Amino acid sequence: MARGKPEIDLEACTGCEKCIDACPQKILKMSDNYNRRVEHFAVCFDEGRCTACVDCADICPEYAIRIWSFSITAGG
């Protein structure tokens, strides 16, 4: 089973929210905090549910999201 971890460059994020709409797992949201551009930025609130589908990274116009992908094998 594929799993992943989204890495979001909070300084590159412009707060467009496209990644939030694109995520099939609905694990992204806008932060209450601001980056140096004085923009809210996307954050992942449940990395354990990330399936490494890369939909969020593919749709990001600023290339602010990178997905770290890894496999989980059954039985050790």
PDB file of N, CA and C in Angstrom:
ATOM      1  N   MET A   1       0.839  -1.170   0.000  1.00  0.00           N
ATOM      2  CA  MET A   1       0.000   0.000   0.000  1.00  0.00           C
ATOM      3  C   MET A   1       0.889   1.239   0.000  1.00  0.00           C
ATOM      4  N   ALA A   2       0.607   2.165  -0.858  1.00  0.00           N
ATOM      5  CA  ALA A   2       1.402   3.397  -0.943  1.00  0.00           C
ATOM      6  C   ALA A   2       0.931   4.403   0.097  1.00  0.00           C
ATOM      7  N   ARG A   3       1.869   5.040   0.688  1.00  0.00           N
ATOM      8  CA  ARG A   3       1.609   6.120   1.638  1.00  0.00           C
ATOM      9  C   ARG A   3       2.534   7.266   1.283  1.00  0.00           C
ATOM     10  N   GLY A   4       2.240   8.408   1.817  1.00  0.00           N
ATOM     11  CA  GLY A   4       3.080   9.551   1.528  1.00  0.00           C
ATOM     12  C   GLY A   4       3.030  10.591   2.614  1.00  0.00           C
ATOM     13  N   LYS A   5       3.782  11.621   2.365  1.00  0.00           N
ATOM     14  CA  LYS A   5       3.814  12.753   3.278  1.00  0.00           C
ATOM     15  C   LYS A   5       3.962  14.008   2.427  1.00  0.00           C
ATOM     16  N   PRO A   6       2.979  14.910   2.488  1.00  0.00           N
ATOM     17  CA  PRO A   6       3.113  16.147   1.732  1.00  0.00           C
ATOM     18  C   PRO A   6       4.055  17.114   2.446  1.00  0.00           C
ATOM     19  N   GLU A   7       4.952  17.692   1.680  1.00  0.00           N
ATOM     20  CA  GLU A   7       5.840  18.720   2.215  1.00  0.00           C
ATOM     21  C   GLU A   7       5.463  20.017   1.505  1.00  0.00           C
ATOM     22  N   ILE A   8       4.948  20.970   2.251  1.00  0.00           N
ATOM     23  CA  ILE A   8       4.448  22.210   1.670  1.00  0.00           C
ATOM     24  C   ILE A   8       5.412  23.336   2.003  1.00  0.00           C
ATOM     25  N   ASP A   9       5.870  24.004   0.975  1.00  0.00           N
ATOM     26  CA  ASP A   9       6.742  25.165   1.152  1.00  0.00           C
ATOM     27  C   ASP A   9       5.841  26.348   1.507  1.00  0.00           C
ATOM     28  N   LEU A  10       5.747  26.653   2.783  1.00  0.00           N
ATOM     29  CA  LEU A  10       4.800  27.663   3.229  1.00  0.00           C
ATOM     30  C   LEU A  10       5.115  29.050   2.686  1.00  0.00           C
ATOM     31  N   GLU A  11       6.362  29.307   2.353  1.00  0.00           N
ATOM     32  CA  GLU A  11       6.721  30.611   1.799  1.00  0.00           C
ATOM     33  C   GLU A  11       6.361  30.730   0.320  1.00  0.00           C
ATOM     34  N   ALA A  12       6.302  29.615  -0.383  1.00  0.00           N
ATOM     35  CA  ALA A  12       5.929  29.631  -1.803  1.00  0.00           C
ATOM     36  C   ALA A  12       4.415  29.591  -1.996  1.00  0.00           C
ATOM     37  N   CYS A  13       3.698  29.095  -1.008  1.00  0.00           N
ATOM     38  CA  CYS A  13       2.243  28.965  -1.104  1.00  0.00           C
ATOM     39  C   CYS A  13       1.598  30.348  -1.144  1.00  0.00           C
ATOM     40  N   THR A  14       0.676  30.540  -2.092  1.00  0.00           N
ATOM     41  CA  THR A  14      -0.041  31.804  -2.222  1.00  0.00           C
ATOM     42  C   THR A  14      -1.455  31.740  -1.656  1.00  0.00           C
ATOM     43  N   GLY A  15      -1.824  30.583  -1.117  1.00  0.00           N
ATOM     44  CA  GLY A  15      -3.137  30.454  -0.502  1.00  0.00           C
ATOM     45  C   GLY A  15      -4.285  30.311  -1.478  1.00  0.00           C
ATOM     46  N   CYS A  16      -4.033  29.768  -2.655  1.00  0.00           N
ATOM     47  CA  CYS A  16      -5.082  29.648  -3.674  1.00  0.00           C
ATOM     48  C   CYS A  16      -6.113  28.569  -3.337  1.00  0.00           C
ATOM     49  N   GLU A  17      -5.760  27.638  -2.472  1.00  0.00           N
ATOM     50  CA  GLU A  17      -6.630  26.551  -2.000  1.00  0.00           C
ATOM     51  C   GLU A  17      -6.927  25.479  -3.044  1.00  0.00           C
ATOM     52  N   LYS A  18      -6.256  25.498  -4.184  1.00  0.00           N
ATOM     53  CA  LYS A  18      -6.483  24.469  -5.206  1.00  0.00           C
ATOM     54  C   LYS A  18      -6.117  23.084  -4.691  1.00  0.00           C
ATOM     55  N   CYS A  19      -5.076  22.993  -3.906  1.00  0.00           N
ATOM     56  CA  CYS A  19      -4.651  21.695  -3.362  1.00  0.00           C
ATOM     57  C   CYS A  19      -5.703  21.109  -2.431  1.00  0.00           C
ATOM     58  N   ILE A  20      -6.350  21.966  -1.675  1.00  0.00           N
ATOM     59  CA  ILE A  20      -7.385  21.514  -0.744  1.00  0.00           C
ATOM     60  C   ILE A  20      -8.528  20.870  -1.513  1.00  0.00           C
ATOM     61  N   ASP A  21      -8.951  21.526  -2.583  1.00  0.00           N
ATOM     62  CA  ASP A  21     -10.033  20.981  -3.411  1.00  0.00           C
ATOM     63  C   ASP A  21      -9.613  19.711  -4.134  1.00  0.00           C
ATOM     64  N   ALA A  22      -8.330  19.594  -4.490  1.00  0.00           N
ATOM     65  CA  ALA A  22      -7.844  18.449  -5.264  1.00  0.00           C
ATOM     66  C   ALA A  22      -7.606  17.193  -4.429  1.00  0.00           C
ATOM     67  N   CYS A  23      -7.392  17.346  -3.147  1.00  0.00           N
ATOM     68  CA  CYS A  23      -7.031  16.202  -2.297  1.00  0.00           C
ATOM     69  C   CYS A  23      -8.212  15.247  -2.101  1.00  0.00           C
ATOM     70  N   PRO A  24      -8.098  14.009  -2.588  1.00  0.00           N
ATOM     71  CA  PRO A  24      -9.199  13.061  -2.423  1.00  0.00           C
ATOM     72  C   PRO A  24      -9.393  12.611  -0.973  1.00  0.00           C
ATOM     73  N   GLN A  25      -8.342  12.713  -0.167  1.00  0.00           N
ATOM     74  CA  GLN A  25      -8.437  12.315   1.236  1.00  0.00           C
ATOM     75  C   GLN A  25      -8.936  13.447   2.137  1.00  0.00           C
ATOM     76  N   LYS A  26      -8.980  14.666   1.596  1.00  0.00           N
ATOM     77  CA  LYS A  26      -9.441  15.850   2.340  1.00  0.00           C
ATOM     78  C   LYS A  26      -8.648  16.047   3.638  1.00  0.00           C
ATOM     79  N   ILE A  27      -7.311  16.013   3.493  1.00  0.00           N
ATOM     80  CA  ILE A  27      -6.439  16.146   4.663  1.00  0.00           C
ATOM     81  C   ILE A  27      -5.645  17.453   4.660  1.00  0.00           C
ATOM     82  N   LEU A  28      -6.000  18.366   3.770  1.00  0.00           N
ATOM     83  CA  LEU A  28      -5.331  19.661   3.717  1.00  0.00           C
ATOM     84  C   LEU A  28      -6.306  20.750   4.131  1.00  0.00           C
ATOM     85  N   LYS A  29      -5.764  21.790   4.743  1.00  0.00           N
ATOM     86  CA  LYS A  29      -6.572  22.948   5.113  1.00  0.00           C
ATOM     87  C   LYS A  29      -5.680  24.181   5.104  1.00  0.00           C
ATOM     88  N   MET A  30      -6.282  25.337   5.212  1.00  0.00           N
ATOM     89  CA  MET A  30      -5.513  26.563   5.291  1.00  0.00           C
ATOM     90  C   MET A  30      -5.117  26.809   6.741  1.00  0.00           C
ATOM     91  N   SER A  31      -3.898  27.204   6.924  1.00  0.00           N
ATOM     92  CA  SER A  31      -3.393  27.523   8.250  1.00  0.00           C
ATOM     93  C   SER A  31      -4.009  28.831   8.731  1.00  0.00           C
ATOM     94  N   ASP A  32      -4.102  28.967  10.029  1.00  0.00           N
ATOM     95  CA  ASP A  32      -4.517  30.238  10.611  1.00  0.00           C
ATOM     96  C   ASP A  32      -3.363  31.230  10.614  1.00  0.00           C
ATOM     97  N   ASN A  33      -2.155  30.733  10.399  1.00  0.00           N
ATOM     98  CA  ASN A  33      -0.955  31.571  10.395  1.00  0.00           C
ATOM     99  C   ASN A  33      -0.702  32.151   9.007  1.00  0.00           C
ATOM    100  N   TYR A  34       0.242  33.085   8.943  1.00  0.00           N
ATOM    101  CA  TYR A  34       0.604  33.744   7.697  1.00  0.00           C
ATOM    102  C   TYR A  34       2.074  33.494   7.372  1.00  0.00           C
ATOM    103  N   ASN A  35       2.398  33.491   6.078  1.00  0.00           N
ATOM    104  CA  ASN A  35       3.794  33.418   5.666  1.00  0.00           C
ATOM    105  C   ASN A  35       4.329  34.846   5.475  1.00  0.00           C
ATOM    106  N   ARG A  36       5.536  34.973   4.953  1.00  0.00           N
ATOM    107  CA  ARG A  36       6.129  36.305   4.767  1.00  0.00           C
ATOM    108  C   ARG A  36       5.391  37.164   3.747  1.00  0.00           C
ATOM    109  N   ARG A  37       4.633  36.518   2.866  1.00  0.00           N
ATOM    110  CA  ARG A  37       3.824  37.257   1.882  1.00  0.00           C
ATOM    111  C   ARG A  37       2.522  37.760   2.507  1.00  0.00           C
ATOM    112  N   VAL A  38       2.320  37.445   3.764  1.00  0.00           N
ATOM    113  CA  VAL A  38       1.088  37.746   4.493  1.00  0.00           C
ATOM    114  C   VAL A  38      -0.094  37.012   3.843  1.00  0.00           C
ATOM    115  N   GLU A  39       0.161  35.751   3.502  1.00  0.00           N
ATOM    116  CA  GLU A  39      -0.858  34.865   2.941  1.00  0.00           C
ATOM    117  C   GLU A  39      -1.031  33.676   3.879  1.00  0.00           C
ATOM    118  N   HIS A  40      -2.258  33.216   4.007  1.00  0.00           N
ATOM    119  CA  HIS A  40      -2.458  31.932   4.680  1.00  0.00           C
ATOM    120  C   HIS A  40      -1.860  30.873   3.767  1.00  0.00           C
ATOM    121  N   PHE A  41      -1.417  29.771   4.313  1.00  0.00           N
ATOM    122  CA  PHE A  41      -0.804  28.711   3.519  1.00  0.00           C
ATOM    123  C   PHE A  41      -1.435  27.377   3.864  1.00  0.00           C
ATOM    124  N   ALA A  42      -1.320  26.429   2.954  1.00  0.00           N
ATOM    125  CA  ALA A  42      -1.897  25.106   3.149  1.00  0.00           C
ATOM    126  C   ALA A  42      -1.050  24.285   4.114  1.00  0.00           C
ATOM    127  N   VAL A  43      -1.729  23.464   4.892  1.00  0.00           N
ATOM    128  CA  VAL A  43      -1.066  22.528   5.807  1.00  0.00           C
ATOM    129  C   VAL A  43      -1.804  21.193   5.747  1.00  0.00           C
ATOM    130  N   CYS A  44      -1.074  20.143   6.031  1.00  0.00           N
ATOM    131  CA  CYS A  44      -1.682  18.813   6.133  1.00  0.00           C
ATOM    132  C   CYS A  44      -1.960  18.539   7.602  1.00  0.00           C
ATOM    133  N   PHE A  45      -3.193  18.198   7.925  1.00  0.00           N
ATOM    134  CA  PHE A  45      -3.549  17.945   9.316  1.00  0.00           C
ATOM    135  C   PHE A  45      -3.639  16.465   9.662  1.00  0.00           C
ATOM    136  N   ASP A  46      -3.438  15.578   8.670  1.00  0.00           N
ATOM    137  CA  ASP A  46      -3.479  14.137   8.947  1.00  0.00           C
ATOM    138  C   ASP A  46      -2.593  13.385   7.954  1.00  0.00           C
ATOM    139  N   GLU A  47      -1.290  13.484   8.124  1.00  0.00           N
ATOM    140  CA  GLU A  47      -0.333  12.852   7.201  1.00  0.00           C
ATOM    141  C   GLU A  47      -0.525  11.346   7.100  1.00  0.00           C
ATOM    142  N   GLY A  48      -1.022  10.717   8.136  1.00  0.00           N
ATOM    143  CA  GLY A  48      -1.217   9.275   8.140  1.00  0.00           C
ATOM    144  C   GLY A  48      -2.203   8.785   7.099  1.00  0.00           C
ATOM    145  N   ARG A  49      -3.054   9.668   6.615  1.00  0.00           N
ATOM    146  CA  ARG A  49      -4.040   9.293   5.601  1.00  0.00           C
ATOM    147  C   ARG A  49      -3.590   9.630   4.191  1.00  0.00           C
ATOM    148  N   CYS A  50      -2.427  10.231   4.009  1.00  0.00           N
ATOM    149  CA  CYS A  50      -1.924  10.581   2.675  1.00  0.00           C
ATOM    150  C   CYS A  50      -1.622   9.311   1.882  1.00  0.00           C
ATOM    151  N   THR A  51      -2.144   9.252   0.663  1.00  0.00           N
ATOM    152  CA  THR A  51      -1.930   8.081  -0.195  1.00  0.00           C
ATOM    153  C   THR A  51      -0.886   8.335  -1.277  1.00  0.00           C
ATOM    154  N   ALA A  52      -0.217   9.462  -1.219  1.00  0.00           N
ATOM    155  CA  ALA A  52       0.829   9.826  -2.188  1.00  0.00           C
ATOM    156  C   ALA A  52       0.292   9.893  -3.607  1.00  0.00           C
ATOM    157  N   CYS A  53      -0.956  10.326  -3.756  1.00  0.00           N
ATOM    158  CA  CYS A  53      -1.559  10.400  -5.092  1.00  0.00           C
ATOM    159  C   CYS A  53      -0.986  11.549  -5.922  1.00  0.00           C
ATOM    160  N   VAL A  54      -0.381  12.518  -5.299  1.00  0.00           N
ATOM    161  CA  VAL A  54       0.231  13.730  -5.868  1.00  0.00           C
ATOM    162  C   VAL A  54      -0.761  14.691  -6.538  1.00  0.00           C
ATOM    163  N   ASP A  55      -2.054  14.518  -6.337  1.00  0.00           N
ATOM    164  CA  ASP A  55      -3.033  15.439  -6.919  1.00  0.00           C
ATOM    165  C   ASP A  55      -2.790  16.869  -6.447  1.00  0.00           C
ATOM    166  N   CYS A  56      -2.468  17.032  -5.180  1.00  0.00           N
ATOM    167  CA  CYS A  56      -2.231  18.371  -4.644  1.00  0.00           C
ATOM    168  C   CYS A  56      -0.993  19.006  -5.278  1.00  0.00           C
ATOM    169  N   ALA A  57       0.055  18.236  -5.408  1.00  0.00           N
ATOM    170  CA  ALA A  57       1.290  18.754  -6.003  1.00  0.00           C
ATOM    171  C   ALA A  57       1.103  19.068  -7.485  1.00  0.00           C
ATOM    172  N   ASP A  58       0.362  18.232  -8.180  1.00  0.00           N
ATOM    173  CA  ASP A  58       0.133  18.450  -9.615  1.00  0.00           C
ATOM    174  C   ASP A  58      -0.651  19.723  -9.900  1.00  0.00           C
ATOM    175  N   ILE A  59      -1.572  20.073  -9.021  1.00  0.00           N
ATOM    176  CA  ILE A  59      -2.434  21.227  -9.288  1.00  0.00           C
ATOM    177  C   ILE A  59      -1.846  22.541  -8.771  1.00  0.00           C
ATOM    178  N   CYS A  60      -0.836  22.473  -7.942  1.00  0.00           N
ATOM    179  CA  CYS A  60      -0.266  23.679  -7.339  1.00  0.00           C
ATOM    180  C   CYS A  60       0.422  24.556  -8.388  1.00  0.00           C
ATOM    181  N   PRO A  61      -0.080  25.780  -8.609  1.00  0.00           N
ATOM    182  CA  PRO A  61       0.518  26.645  -9.624  1.00  0.00           C
ATOM    183  C   PRO A  61       1.893  27.189  -9.229  1.00  0.00           C
ATOM    184  N   GLU A  62       2.219  27.111  -7.951  1.00  0.00           N
ATOM    185  CA  GLU A  62       3.499  27.634  -7.460  1.00  0.00           C
ATOM    186  C   GLU A  62       4.535  26.533  -7.214  1.00  0.00           C
ATOM    187  N   TYR A  63       4.172  25.287  -7.505  1.00  0.00           N
ATOM    188  CA  TYR A  63       5.057  24.137  -7.246  1.00  0.00           C
ATOM    189  C   TYR A  63       5.524  24.138  -5.790  1.00  0.00           C
ATOM    190  N   ALA A  64       4.600  24.445  -4.891  1.00  0.00           N
ATOM    191  CA  ALA A  64       4.928  24.569  -3.472  1.00  0.00           C
ATOM    192  C   ALA A  64       4.771  23.261  -2.696  1.00  0.00           C
ATOM    193  N   ILE A  65       4.334  22.205  -3.377  1.00  0.00           N
ATOM    194  CA  ILE A  65       4.082  20.937  -2.682  1.00  0.00           C
ATOM    195  C   ILE A  65       4.923  19.828  -3.284  1.00  0.00           C
ATOM    196  N   ARG A  66       5.582  19.104  -2.409  1.00  0.00           N
ATOM    197  CA  ARG A  66       6.346  17.918  -2.802  1.00  0.00           C
ATOM    198  C   ARG A  66       5.795  16.748  -1.987  1.00  0.00           C
ATOM    199  N   ILE A  67       5.628  15.618  -2.632  1.00  0.00           N
ATOM    200  CA  ILE A  67       5.116  14.433  -1.943  1.00  0.00           C
ATOM    201  C   ILE A  67       6.243  13.434  -1.740  1.00  0.00           C
ATOM    202  N   TRP A  68       6.453  13.063  -0.513  1.00  0.00           N
ATOM    203  CA  TRP A  68       7.387  11.997  -0.178  1.00  0.00           C
ATOM    204  C   TRP A  68       6.577  10.710  -0.171  1.00  0.00           C
ATOM    205  N   SER A  69       6.958   9.770  -1.011  1.00  0.00           N
ATOM    206  CA  SER A  69       6.215   8.536  -1.154  1.00  0.00           C
ATOM    207  C   SER A  69       7.019   7.364  -0.589  1.00  0.00           C
ATOM    208  N   PHE A  70       6.312   6.486   0.103  1.00  0.00           N
ATOM    209  CA  PHE A  70       6.939   5.279   0.629  1.00  0.00           C
ATOM    210  C   PHE A  70       5.915   4.156   0.636  1.00  0.00           C
ATOM    211  N   SER A  71       6.388   2.939   0.679  1.00  0.00           N
ATOM    212  CA  SER A  71       5.516   1.765   0.661  1.00  0.00           C
ATOM    213  C   SER A  71       5.442   1.149   2.039  1.00  0.00           C
ATOM    214  N   ILE A  72       4.292   0.620   2.337  1.00  0.00           N
ATOM    215  CA  ILE A  72       4.110  -0.121   3.585  1.00  0.00           C
ATOM    216  C   ILE A  72       3.861  -1.570   3.186  1.00  0.00           C
ATOM    217  N   THR A  73       4.656  -2.453   3.717  1.00  0.00           N
ATOM    218  CA  THR A  73       4.492  -3.877   3.397  1.00  0.00           C
ATOM    219  C   THR A  73       3.870  -4.599   4.568  1.00  0.00           C
ATOM    220  N   ALA A  74       3.050  -5.572   4.279  1.00  0.00           N
ATOM    221  CA  ALA A  74       2.389  -6.347   5.305  1.00  0.00           C
ATOM    222  C   ALA A  74       3.314  -7.427   5.851  1.00  0.00           C
ATOM    223  N   GLY A  75       3.210  -7.714   7.097  1.00  0.00           N
ATOM    224  CA  GLY A  75       3.914  -8.827   7.696  1.00  0.00           C
ATOM    225  C   GLY A  75       5.347  -8.565   8.086  1.00  0.00           C
ATOM    226  N   GLY A  76       5.816  -7.359   7.961  1.00  0.00           N
ATOM    227  CA  GLY A  76       7.140  -7.048   8.486  1.00  0.00           C
ATOM    228  C   GLY A  76       8.206  -7.177   7.522  1.00  0.00           C
TER     229      GLY A  76
END
